[in-house]
Amino acid sequence: MAATHLDVGLRCIKYLLCAVNSLFVLTGVMIISVGSTIYAVYEDFSHFLDPKYFSPATLLIVVGILVFIIAFFGCCGALRESTCMVLVFAVSLSVVLVMELSAATAAYALQDTVKDLLESKINTTMHEYDKNTETKDAVDFMQSRLHCCGYNGRDNWNEINFKQENDKGIPNSCCGILEFDGNNTMCKIPYEIGCMSRLSIIVNRSALYIGTGAVAIALIQLTGIVFACMLGRAIRRQKTERERRKWELRESIVNGYQPLGKADPLTTFPVVYMQSPDYPLKDTANC
C-alpha cells in the first residue's frame, strides 16, 4: 500500500510539473513580448539614450528564449522520470531567476540617472539639428511623437542656430497645427512641454514594467523550482523502493530454491531393503 501511495504521489507531482512548465511557456511569451516592446520603444529614441538602458530589455528577451528550453527539459525529465534532467531543470530555472532579478534591479537603478542623462543628450542633439540629417530626423520624430518641444520647453530653441521653418522660430515638429500661407508657414498650436519630462516618463514606466514583470515571473518560477525538487526526491525514493523490491524478490527466489536430488539432511530417513515374498532365498548349502 505504501508503494501505491508513492506511485500516486509521483504521478501527481509529474502532472503538476508539466502544468507549471506549460505556464512557463506562456510566461516566456510574455517576457519576450515585454522585452521586445520596450526594446522597440528605446530604439525609437536611441539617439537620446545610452546603450546601458537597452540591457534590461535585452536580458528579458534572452530569458524568455531560455524559458522555452528549460520548460522542454522539465517536461522530458518529468515524463521520463529522469533525476538528471529534473536536476538540470531546477538549476537552470534558478539561473534564470537570478537573471530576472538582475534585470529588475538594473531597471530600477537606471531610473535615478535618467533625467540628467536625457537633459544632456537632448541638449547635445538639438545643437546638431542642422548639421546631421539623421539627428534632425531623430529630434523631429521625438517632438512630433511625444508632442513636446525642446528639452525644457520651446524657449530652448532660441539658443540654437538653425534654419527657421515657421513664424514661431521653432521646428515644424514642435507644432500641433500648421498652416501654409504662400511662402510662409504658420504654427498655430505650438507644443509647450519639454521633451525631457515626456521621455523620462516613458523610460521610468518601461523600467517599472520590466521590474514588476521580472519579479512576478520569478515568483512563478520559484514554485517550479520547488516542484522540481519534490519530483527529484520522489523519483529517487521510488527508484530506491524499486531496487529494494527487486532485491527482496531475488532473495526470496534464491532462498526458496532447492536443487533436485538433494534433500535436507534433517528430514532424511534410513533406507530399509526388504525381500520380496515371490522370490524365496536359495539354499546356499546345496550349491
C-alpha atoms as a PDB file:
ATOM      1  CA  MET A   1       0.000   0.000   0.000  1.00  0.00           C
ATOM      2  CA  ALA A   2       2.894   2.375   0.753  1.00  0.00           C
ATOM      3  CA  ALA A   3       4.324   1.737  -2.701  1.00  0.00           C
ATOM      4  CA  THR A   4       0.946   2.505  -4.258  1.00  0.00           C
ATOM      5  CA  HIS A   5       0.770   5.824  -2.432  1.00  0.00           C
ATOM      6  CA  LEU A   6       4.318   6.557  -3.621  1.00  0.00           C
ATOM      7  CA  ASP A   7       3.373   5.946  -7.255  1.00  0.00           C
ATOM      8  CA  VAL A   8       0.252   8.106  -6.952  1.00  0.00           C
ATOM      9  CA  GLY A   9       2.204  10.953  -5.332  1.00  0.00           C
ATOM     10  CA  LEU A  10       4.884  10.763  -8.007  1.00  0.00           C
ATOM     11  CA  ARG A  11       2.261  10.850 -10.754  1.00  0.00           C
ATOM     12  CA  CYS A  12       0.616  13.917  -9.210  1.00  0.00           C
ATOM     13  CA  ILE A  13       3.931  15.755  -8.964  1.00  0.00           C
ATOM     14  CA  LYS A  14       4.732  14.870 -12.588  1.00  0.00           C
ATOM     15  CA  TYR A  15       1.442  16.288 -13.829  1.00  0.00           C
ATOM     16  CA  LEU A  16       1.810  19.395 -11.674  1.00  0.00           C
ATOM     17  CA  LEU A  17       5.311  19.979 -13.005  1.00  0.00           C
ATOM     18  CA  CYS A  18       4.075  19.610 -16.589  1.00  0.00           C
ATOM     19  CA  ALA A  19       1.303  22.115 -15.842  1.00  0.00           C
ATOM     20  CA  VAL A  20       3.831  24.538 -14.359  1.00  0.00           C
ATOM     21  CA  ASN A  21       6.017  24.108 -17.462  1.00  0.00           C
ATOM     22  CA  SER A  22       3.040  24.974 -19.648  1.00  0.00           C
ATOM     23  CA  LEU A  23       2.635  28.105 -17.562  1.00  0.00           C
ATOM     24  CA  PHE A  24       6.354  28.790 -18.072  1.00  0.00           C
ATOM     25  CA  VAL A  25       5.838  28.699 -21.840  1.00  0.00           C
ATOM     26  CA  LEU A  26       3.152  31.370 -21.517  1.00  0.00           C
ATOM     27  CA  THR A  27       5.336  33.458 -19.227  1.00  0.00           C
ATOM     28  CA  GLY A  28       8.175  33.058 -21.730  1.00  0.00           C
ATOM     29  CA  VAL A  29       5.955  34.530 -24.439  1.00  0.00           C
ATOM     30  CA  MET A  30       5.037  37.372 -22.090  1.00  0.00           C
ATOM     31  CA  ILE A  31       8.688  38.044 -21.227  1.00  0.00           C
ATOM     32  CA  ILE A  32       9.705  38.146 -24.899  1.00  0.00           C
ATOM     33  CA  SER A  33       6.790  40.415 -25.817  1.00  0.00           C
ATOM     34  CA  VAL A  34       7.507  42.842 -22.968  1.00  0.00           C
ATOM     35  CA  GLY A  35      11.232  42.893 -23.699  1.00  0.00           C
ATOM     36  CA  SER A  36      10.693  43.332 -27.446  1.00  0.00           C
ATOM     37  CA  THR A  37       8.157  46.136 -26.957  1.00  0.00           C
ATOM     38  CA  ILE A  38      10.392  48.073 -24.572  1.00  0.00           C
ATOM     39  CA  TYR A  39      13.402  47.488 -26.804  1.00  0.00           C
ATOM     40  CA  ALA A  40      11.463  48.869 -29.780  1.00  0.00           C
ATOM     41  CA  VAL A  41      10.434  51.946 -27.761  1.00  0.00           C
ATOM     42  CA  TYR A  42      14.019  52.541 -26.713  1.00  0.00           C
ATOM     43  CA  GLU A  43      15.184  52.026 -30.288  1.00  0.00           C
ATOM     44  CA  ASP A  44      12.946  54.877 -31.454  1.00  0.00           C
ATOM     45  CA  PHE A  45      14.745  57.202 -29.047  1.00  0.00           C
ATOM     46  CA  SER A  46      18.190  55.594 -29.258  1.00  0.00           C
ATOM     47  CA  HIS A  47      19.828  58.971 -30.010  1.00  0.00           C
ATOM     48  CA  PHE A  48      18.912  60.161 -26.531  1.00  0.00           C
ATOM     49  CA  LEU A  49      19.637  57.003 -24.501  1.00  0.00           C
ATOM     50  CA  ASP A  50      22.813  55.204 -23.523  1.00  0.00           C
ATOM     51  CA  PRO A  51      23.259  51.554 -24.568  1.00  0.00           C
ATOM     52  CA  LYS A  52      23.004  50.506 -20.907  1.00  0.00           C
ATOM     53  CA  TYR A  53      19.274  51.309 -20.975  1.00  0.00           C
ATOM     54  CA  PHE A  54      18.818  48.545 -23.547  1.00  0.00           C
ATOM     55  CA  SER A  55      20.400  45.935 -21.261  1.00  0.00           C
ATOM     56  CA  PRO A  56      17.321  45.056 -19.129  1.00  0.00           C
ATOM     57  CA  ALA A  57      15.105  44.674 -22.217  1.00  0.00           C
ATOM     58  CA  THR A  58      17.724  42.565 -23.989  1.00  0.00           C
ATOM     59  CA  LEU A  59      18.165  40.420 -20.893  1.00  0.00           C
ATOM     60  CA  LEU A  60      14.418  39.811 -20.747  1.00  0.00           C
ATOM     61  CA  ILE A  61      14.375  38.626 -24.352  1.00  0.00           C
ATOM     62  CA  VAL A  62      17.231  36.204 -23.635  1.00  0.00           C
ATOM     63  CA  VAL A  63      15.450  34.962 -20.514  1.00  0.00           C
ATOM     64  CA  GLY A  64      12.248  34.370 -22.486  1.00  0.00           C
ATOM     65  CA  ILE A  65      14.103  32.214 -25.008  1.00  0.00           C
ATOM     66  CA  LEU A  66      15.799  30.262 -22.223  1.00  0.00           C
ATOM     67  CA  VAL A  67      12.439  29.591 -20.577  1.00  0.00           C
ATOM     68  CA  PHE A  68      11.309  27.582 -23.636  1.00  0.00           C
ATOM     69  CA  ILE A  69      14.427  25.393 -23.491  1.00  0.00           C
ATOM     70  CA  ILE A  70      14.157  24.925 -19.728  1.00  0.00           C
ATOM     71  CA  ALA A  71      10.467  24.013 -19.969  1.00  0.00           C
ATOM     72  CA  PHE A  72      11.400  21.310 -22.502  1.00  0.00           C
ATOM     73  CA  PHE A  73      13.937  19.818 -20.072  1.00  0.00           C
ATOM     74  CA  GLY A  74      11.385  19.951 -17.264  1.00  0.00           C
ATOM     75  CA  CYS A  75       8.674  18.128 -19.232  1.00  0.00           C
ATOM     76  CA  CYS A  76      11.077  15.480 -20.544  1.00  0.00           C
ATOM     77  CA  GLY A  77      12.557  14.933 -17.097  1.00  0.00           C
ATOM     78  CA  ALA A  78       9.136  14.595 -15.505  1.00  0.00           C
ATOM     79  CA  LEU A  79       7.742  12.193 -18.114  1.00  0.00           C
ATOM     80  CA  ARG A  80      10.886  10.045 -18.303  1.00  0.00           C
ATOM     81  CA  GLU A  81      11.414  10.172 -14.528  1.00  0.00           C
ATOM     82  CA  SER A  82      14.999  11.258 -15.084  1.00  0.00           C
ATOM     83  CA  THR A  83      16.620  12.630 -11.957  1.00  0.00           C
ATOM     84  CA  CYS A  84      19.422  14.184 -14.016  1.00  0.00           C
ATOM     85  CA  MET A  85      17.080  16.134 -16.326  1.00  0.00           C
ATOM     86  CA  VAL A  86      14.965  17.307 -13.403  1.00  0.00           C
ATOM     87  CA  LEU A  87      18.130  18.494 -11.662  1.00  0.00           C
ATOM     88  CA  VAL A  88      19.206  20.362 -14.811  1.00  0.00           C
ATOM     89  CA  PHE A  89      15.750  21.901 -14.958  1.00  0.00           C
ATOM     90  CA  ALA A  90      15.910  23.107 -11.341  1.00  0.00           C
ATOM     91  CA  VAL A  91      19.433  24.521 -11.664  1.00  0.00           C
ATOM     92  CA  SER A  92      18.655  26.246 -14.983  1.00  0.00           C
ATOM     93  CA  LEU A  93      15.495  27.721 -13.547  1.00  0.00           C
ATOM     94  CA  SER A  94      17.471  29.071 -10.607  1.00  0.00           C
ATOM     95  CA  VAL A  95      19.925  30.742 -13.005  1.00  0.00           C
ATOM     96  CA  VAL A  96      17.050  32.300 -14.960  1.00  0.00           C
ATOM     97  CA  LEU A  97      15.508  33.519 -11.718  1.00  0.00           C
ATOM     98  CA  VAL A  98      18.768  35.277 -10.819  1.00  0.00           C
ATOM     99  CA  MET A  99      18.919  36.830 -14.302  1.00  0.00           C
ATOM    100  CA  GLU A 100      15.376  38.149 -13.975  1.00  0.00           C
ATOM    101  CA  LEU A 101      16.078  39.679 -10.589  1.00  0.00           C
ATOM    102  CA  SER A 102      19.229  41.241 -12.067  1.00  0.00           C
ATOM    103  CA  ALA A 103      17.181  42.765 -14.892  1.00  0.00           C
ATOM    104  CA  ALA A 104      14.667  44.150 -12.405  1.00  0.00           C
ATOM    105  CA  THR A 105      17.425  45.608 -10.224  1.00  0.00           C
ATOM    106  CA  ALA A 106      19.167  47.182 -13.219  1.00  0.00           C
ATOM    107  CA  ALA A 107      15.912  48.687 -14.480  1.00  0.00           C
ATOM    108  CA  TYR A 108      15.139  50.237 -11.099  1.00  0.00           C
ATOM    109  CA  ALA A 109      18.703  51.518 -10.694  1.00  0.00           C
ATOM    110  CA  LEU A 110      18.660  53.292 -14.074  1.00  0.00           C
ATOM    111  CA  GLN A 111      15.667  55.393 -13.038  1.00  0.00           C
ATOM    112  CA  ASP A 112      17.803  57.599 -10.810  1.00  0.00           C
ATOM    113  CA  THR A 113      20.067  58.863 -13.591  1.00  0.00           C
ATOM    114  CA  VAL A 114      17.575  59.144 -16.437  1.00  0.00           C
ATOM    115  CA  LYS A 115      16.772  62.869 -16.069  1.00  0.00           C
ATOM    116  CA  ASP A 116      20.363  64.082 -16.061  1.00  0.00           C
ATOM    117  CA  LEU A 117      21.199  61.822 -18.981  1.00  0.00           C
ATOM    118  CA  LEU A 118      18.211  62.930 -21.054  1.00  0.00           C
ATOM    119  CA  GLU A 119      18.878  66.615 -20.446  1.00  0.00           C
ATOM    120  CA  SER A 120      22.458  66.233 -21.631  1.00  0.00           C
ATOM    121  CA  LYS A 121      21.607  64.027 -24.597  1.00  0.00           C
ATOM    122  CA  ILE A 122      18.675  66.083 -25.850  1.00  0.00           C
ATOM    123  CA  ASN A 123      20.564  69.337 -25.482  1.00  0.00           C
ATOM    124  CA  THR A 124      23.564  67.986 -27.387  1.00  0.00           C
ATOM    125  CA  THR A 125      21.379  66.544 -30.148  1.00  0.00           C
ATOM    126  CA  MET A 126      19.421  69.759 -30.571  1.00  0.00           C
ATOM    127  CA  HIS A 127      22.644  71.709 -31.184  1.00  0.00           C
ATOM    128  CA  GLU A 128      23.363  69.352 -34.110  1.00  0.00           C
ATOM    129  CA  TYR A 129      19.903  69.827 -35.617  1.00  0.00           C
ATOM    130  CA  ASP A 130      21.043  71.358 -38.909  1.00  0.00           C
ATOM    131  CA  LYS A 131      24.379  69.567 -39.054  1.00  0.00           C
ATOM    132  CA  ASN A 132      23.188  65.998 -39.440  1.00  0.00           C
ATOM    133  CA  THR A 133      20.135  64.699 -41.281  1.00  0.00           C
ATOM    134  CA  GLU A 134      19.869  61.624 -39.049  1.00  0.00           C
ATOM    135  CA  THR A 135      19.969  63.789 -35.924  1.00  0.00           C
ATOM    136  CA  LYS A 136      17.345  66.139 -37.375  1.00  0.00           C
ATOM    137  CA  ASP A 137      15.046  63.204 -38.112  1.00  0.00           C
ATOM    138  CA  ALA A 138      15.529  61.853 -34.582  1.00  0.00           C
ATOM    139  CA  VAL A 139      14.644  65.202 -32.976  1.00  0.00           C
ATOM    140  CA  ASP A 140      11.647  65.721 -35.234  1.00  0.00           C
ATOM    141  CA  PHE A 141      10.409  62.211 -34.523  1.00  0.00           C
ATOM    142  CA  MET A 142      10.720  62.725 -30.764  1.00  0.00           C
ATOM    143  CA  GLN A 143       8.942  66.100 -30.766  1.00  0.00           C
ATOM    144  CA  SER A 144       6.110  65.053 -33.080  1.00  0.00           C
ATOM    145  CA  ARG A 145       5.637  61.668 -31.396  1.00  0.00           C
ATOM    146  CA  LEU A 146       5.713  62.938 -27.806  1.00  0.00           C
ATOM    147  CA  HIS A 147       4.017  66.301 -28.554  1.00  0.00           C
ATOM    148  CA  CYS A 148       6.867  68.228 -26.946  1.00  0.00           C
ATOM    149  CA  CYS A 149       9.344  70.943 -27.851  1.00  0.00           C
ATOM    150  CA  GLY A 150      12.952  71.377 -26.689  1.00  0.00           C
ATOM    151  CA  TYR A 151      14.247  69.669 -23.589  1.00  0.00           C
ATOM    152  CA  ASN A 152      12.523  72.000 -21.080  1.00  0.00           C
ATOM    153  CA  GLY A 153      10.262  73.982 -23.413  1.00  0.00           C
ATOM    154  CA  ARG A 154      10.149  75.682 -26.792  1.00  0.00           C
ATOM    155  CA  ASP A 155      12.301  78.578 -25.494  1.00  0.00           C
ATOM    156  CA  ASN A 156      15.315  76.267 -25.706  1.00  0.00           C
ATOM    157  CA  TRP A 157      15.282  76.688 -29.496  1.00  0.00           C
ATOM    158  CA  ASN A 158      16.093  80.390 -29.097  1.00  0.00           C
ATOM    159  CA  GLU A 159      19.624  79.375 -28.063  1.00  0.00           C
ATOM    160  CA  ILE A 160      20.188  77.256 -31.181  1.00  0.00           C
ATOM    161  CA  ASN A 161      21.040  78.484 -34.667  1.00  0.00           C
ATOM    162  CA  PHE A 162      19.078  76.598 -37.296  1.00  0.00           C
ATOM    163  CA  LYS A 163      17.048  77.318 -40.381  1.00  0.00           C
ATOM    164  CA  GLN A 164      13.722  78.857 -39.403  1.00  0.00           C
ATOM    165  CA  GLU A 165      10.776  76.769 -40.540  1.00  0.00           C
ATOM    166  CA  ASN A 166       7.794  78.846 -39.320  1.00  0.00           C
ATOM    167  CA  ASP A 167       6.834  82.144 -37.768  1.00  0.00           C
ATOM    168  CA  LYS A 168       7.466  80.935 -34.189  1.00  0.00           C
ATOM    169  CA  GLY A 169      11.152  80.259 -34.774  1.00  0.00           C
ATOM    170  CA  ILE A 170      10.815  76.564 -33.808  1.00  0.00           C
ATOM    171  CA  PRO A 171      10.900  73.363 -35.893  1.00  0.00           C
ATOM    172  CA  ASN A 172       7.679  72.304 -37.544  1.00  0.00           C
ATOM    173  CA  SER A 173       7.754  69.147 -35.438  1.00  0.00           C
ATOM    174  CA  CYS A 174       7.032  71.368 -32.409  1.00  0.00           C
ATOM    175  CA  CYS A 175       3.680  72.430 -33.850  1.00  0.00           C
ATOM    176  CA  GLY A 176       0.409  70.639 -33.426  1.00  0.00           C
ATOM    177  CA  ILE A 177      -1.285  72.500 -36.281  1.00  0.00           C
ATOM    178  CA  LEU A 178       0.500  74.095 -39.248  1.00  0.00           C
ATOM    179  CA  GLU A 179      -0.989  76.429 -41.843  1.00  0.00           C
ATOM    180  CA  PHE A 180       0.671  77.363 -45.112  1.00  0.00           C
ATOM    181  CA  ASP A 181       0.121  80.888 -46.415  1.00  0.00           C
ATOM    182  CA  GLY A 182       2.001  81.182 -49.674  1.00  0.00           C
ATOM    183  CA  ASN A 183       5.697  81.002 -48.809  1.00  0.00           C
ATOM    184  CA  ASN A 184       5.089  81.367 -45.076  1.00  0.00           C
ATOM    185  CA  THR A 185       4.368  78.594 -42.618  1.00  0.00           C
ATOM    186  CA  MET A 186       2.207  79.472 -39.622  1.00  0.00           C
ATOM    187  CA  CYS A 187       2.481  77.473 -36.378  1.00  0.00           C
ATOM    188  CA  LYS A 188      -0.981  77.721 -34.829  1.00  0.00           C
ATOM    189  CA  ILE A 189      -0.625  75.430 -31.807  1.00  0.00           C
ATOM    190  CA  PRO A 190       2.985  75.006 -30.616  1.00  0.00           C
ATOM    191  CA  TYR A 191       3.856  72.415 -28.007  1.00  0.00           C
ATOM    192  CA  GLU A 192       4.832  73.946 -24.671  1.00  0.00           C
ATOM    193  CA  ILE A 193       6.016  70.932 -22.682  1.00  0.00           C
ATOM    194  CA  GLY A 194       9.667  69.918 -22.873  1.00  0.00           C
ATOM    195  CA  CYS A 195      10.678  66.547 -24.247  1.00  0.00           C
ATOM    196  CA  MET A 196      12.830  65.665 -21.257  1.00  0.00           C
ATOM    197  CA  SER A 197       9.837  65.186 -18.939  1.00  0.00           C
ATOM    198  CA  ARG A 198       7.870  63.189 -21.535  1.00  0.00           C
ATOM    199  CA  LEU A 199      10.756  60.908 -22.404  1.00  0.00           C
ATOM    200  CA  SER A 200      11.731  60.372 -18.759  1.00  0.00           C
ATOM    201  CA  ILE A 201       8.158  59.230 -18.056  1.00  0.00           C
ATOM    202  CA  ILE A 202       8.424  56.661 -20.844  1.00  0.00           C
ATOM    203  CA  VAL A 203      11.773  55.366 -19.559  1.00  0.00           C
ATOM    204  CA  ASN A 204      10.545  55.208 -15.952  1.00  0.00           C
ATOM    205  CA  ARG A 205       7.363  53.378 -16.921  1.00  0.00           C
ATOM    206  CA  SER A 206       9.324  50.936 -19.044  1.00  0.00           C
ATOM    207  CA  ALA A 207      11.686  50.276 -16.137  1.00  0.00           C
ATOM    208  CA  LEU A 208       8.684  49.755 -13.865  1.00  0.00           C
ATOM    209  CA  TYR A 209       7.152  47.263 -16.310  1.00  0.00           C
ATOM    210  CA  ILE A 210      10.450  45.392 -16.590  1.00  0.00           C
ATOM    211  CA  GLY A 211      10.989  45.239 -12.834  1.00  0.00           C
ATOM    212  CA  THR A 212       7.428  44.283 -11.922  1.00  0.00           C
ATOM    213  CA  GLY A 213       7.160  41.678 -14.672  1.00  0.00           C
ATOM    214  CA  ALA A 214      10.517  40.125 -13.831  1.00  0.00           C
ATOM    215  CA  VAL A 215       9.695  39.838 -10.112  1.00  0.00           C
ATOM    216  CA  ALA A 216       6.220  38.393 -10.767  1.00  0.00           C
ATOM    217  CA  ILE A 217       7.554  35.778 -13.171  1.00  0.00           C
ATOM    218  CA  ALA A 218      10.416  34.981 -10.792  1.00  0.00           C
ATOM    219  CA  LEU A 219       7.862  34.092  -8.109  1.00  0.00           C
ATOM    220  CA  ILE A 220       6.110  31.741 -10.526  1.00  0.00           C
ATOM    221  CA  GLN A 221       9.423  30.133 -11.408  1.00  0.00           C
ATOM    222  CA  LEU A 222      10.185  29.698  -7.720  1.00  0.00           C
ATOM    223  CA  THR A 223       7.184  27.367  -7.489  1.00  0.00           C
ATOM    224  CA  GLY A 224       8.615  25.451 -10.435  1.00  0.00           C
ATOM    225  CA  ILE A 225      11.910  25.001  -8.596  1.00  0.00           C
ATOM    226  CA  VAL A 226      10.032  23.671  -5.549  1.00  0.00           C
ATOM    227  CA  PHE A 227       8.065  21.196  -7.701  1.00  0.00           C
ATOM    228  CA  ALA A 228      11.261  20.092  -9.443  1.00  0.00           C
ATOM    229  CA  CYS A 229      12.981  19.402  -6.113  1.00  0.00           C
ATOM    230  CA  MET A 230       9.939  17.477  -4.890  1.00  0.00           C
ATOM    231  CA  LEU A 231       9.832  15.465  -8.105  1.00  0.00           C
ATOM    232  CA  GLY A 232      13.548  14.676  -7.936  1.00  0.00           C
ATOM    233  CA  ARG A 233      13.188  13.461  -4.367  1.00  0.00           C
ATOM    234  CA  ALA A 234      10.110  11.393  -5.265  1.00  0.00           C
ATOM    235  CA  ILE A 235      11.885   9.830  -8.256  1.00  0.00           C
ATOM    236  CA  ARG A 236      14.901   8.951  -6.116  1.00  0.00           C
ATOM    237  CA  ARG A 237      12.652   7.477  -3.432  1.00  0.00           C
ATOM    238  CA  GLN A 238      10.718   5.443  -5.986  1.00  0.00           C
ATOM    239  CA  LYS A 239      13.897   4.103  -7.572  1.00  0.00           C
ATOM    240  CA  THR A 240      15.157   3.100  -4.133  1.00  0.00           C
ATOM    241  CA  GLU A 241      11.869   1.344  -3.439  1.00  0.00           C
ATOM    242  CA  ARG A 242      12.061  -0.478  -6.783  1.00  0.00           C
ATOM    243  CA  GLU A 243      15.601  -1.648  -6.072  1.00  0.00           C
ATOM    244  CA  ARG A 244      14.517  -2.872  -2.649  1.00  0.00           C
ATOM    245  CA  ARG A 245      11.661  -4.843  -4.194  1.00  0.00           C
ATOM    246  CA  LYS A 246      13.991  -6.408  -6.745  1.00  0.00           C
ATOM    247  CA  TRP A 247      16.457  -7.366  -4.014  1.00  0.00           C
ATOM    248  CA  GLU A 248      13.695  -8.905  -1.873  1.00  0.00           C
ATOM    249  CA  LEU A 249      12.329 -10.841  -4.857  1.00  0.00           C
ATOM    250  CA  ARG A 250      15.780 -12.103  -5.770  1.00  0.00           C
ATOM    251  CA  GLU A 251      16.468 -13.176  -2.201  1.00  0.00           C
ATOM    252  CA  SER A 252      13.135 -14.965  -1.927  1.00  0.00           C
ATOM    253  CA  ILE A 253      13.818 -16.853  -5.156  1.00  0.00           C
ATOM    254  CA  VAL A 254      17.344 -17.806  -4.133  1.00  0.00           C
ATOM    255  CA  ASN A 255      16.402 -18.904  -0.618  1.00  0.00           C
ATOM    256  CA  GLY A 256      13.280 -20.746  -1.719  1.00  0.00           C
ATOM    257  CA  TYR A 257      15.050 -22.724  -4.499  1.00  0.00           C
ATOM    258  CA  GLN A 258      16.053 -26.397  -3.687  1.00  0.00           C
ATOM    259  CA  PRO A 259      18.077 -28.420  -6.246  1.00  0.00           C
ATOM    260  CA  LEU A 260      16.655 -31.743  -7.412  1.00  0.00           C
ATOM    261  CA  GLY A 261      18.217 -34.895  -5.837  1.00  0.00           C
ATOM    262  CA  LYS A 262      19.416 -33.053  -2.740  1.00  0.00           C
ATOM    263  CA  ALA A 263      17.301 -33.290   0.324  1.00  0.00           C
ATOM    264  CA  ASP A 264      17.605 -31.640   3.641  1.00  0.00           C
ATOM    265  CA  PRO A 265      19.740 -33.905   5.883  1.00  0.00           C
ATOM    266  CA  LEU A 266      17.494 -33.183   8.829  1.00  0.00           C
ATOM    267  CA  THR A 267      14.485 -34.643   7.023  1.00  0.00           C
ATOM    268  CA  THR A 268      16.128 -37.824   5.577  1.00  0.00           C
ATOM    269  CA  PHE A 269      15.170 -41.304   6.780  1.00  0.00           C
ATOM    270  CA  PRO A 270      17.168 -44.646   6.733  1.00  0.00           C
ATOM    271  CA  VAL A 271      16.668 -46.865   3.733  1.00  0.00           C
ATOM    272  CA  VAL A 272      15.431 -50.444   4.539  1.00  0.00           C
ATOM    273  CA  TYR A 273      15.847 -53.250   1.953  1.00  0.00           C
ATOM    274  CA  MET A 274      13.197 -55.990   2.226  1.00  0.00           C
ATOM    275  CA  GLN A 275      12.945 -59.334   0.421  1.00  0.00           C
ATOM    276  CA  SER A 276      10.113 -59.856  -1.960  1.00  0.00           C
ATOM    277  CA  PRO A 277       7.837 -62.822  -0.979  1.00  0.00           C
ATOM    278  CA  ASP A 278       7.639 -64.095  -4.590  1.00  0.00           C
ATOM    279  CA  TYR A 279      11.309 -64.942  -4.743  1.00  0.00           C
ATOM    280  CA  PRO A 280      12.462 -67.205  -1.783  1.00  0.00           C
ATOM    281  CA  LEU A 281      16.072 -67.356  -0.886  1.00  0.00           C
ATOM    282  CA  LYS A 282      18.033 -70.232  -2.366  1.00  0.00           C
ATOM    283  CA  ASP A 283      19.715 -72.815  -0.180  1.00  0.00           C
ATOM    284  CA  THR A 284      23.383 -71.979  -0.500  1.00  0.00           C
ATOM    285  CA  ALA A 285      24.375 -75.288   1.111  1.00  0.00           C
ATOM    286  CA  ASN A 286      23.211 -77.313  -1.893  1.00  0.00           C
ATOM    287  CA  CYS A 287      25.060 -75.169  -4.444  1.00  0.00           C
END
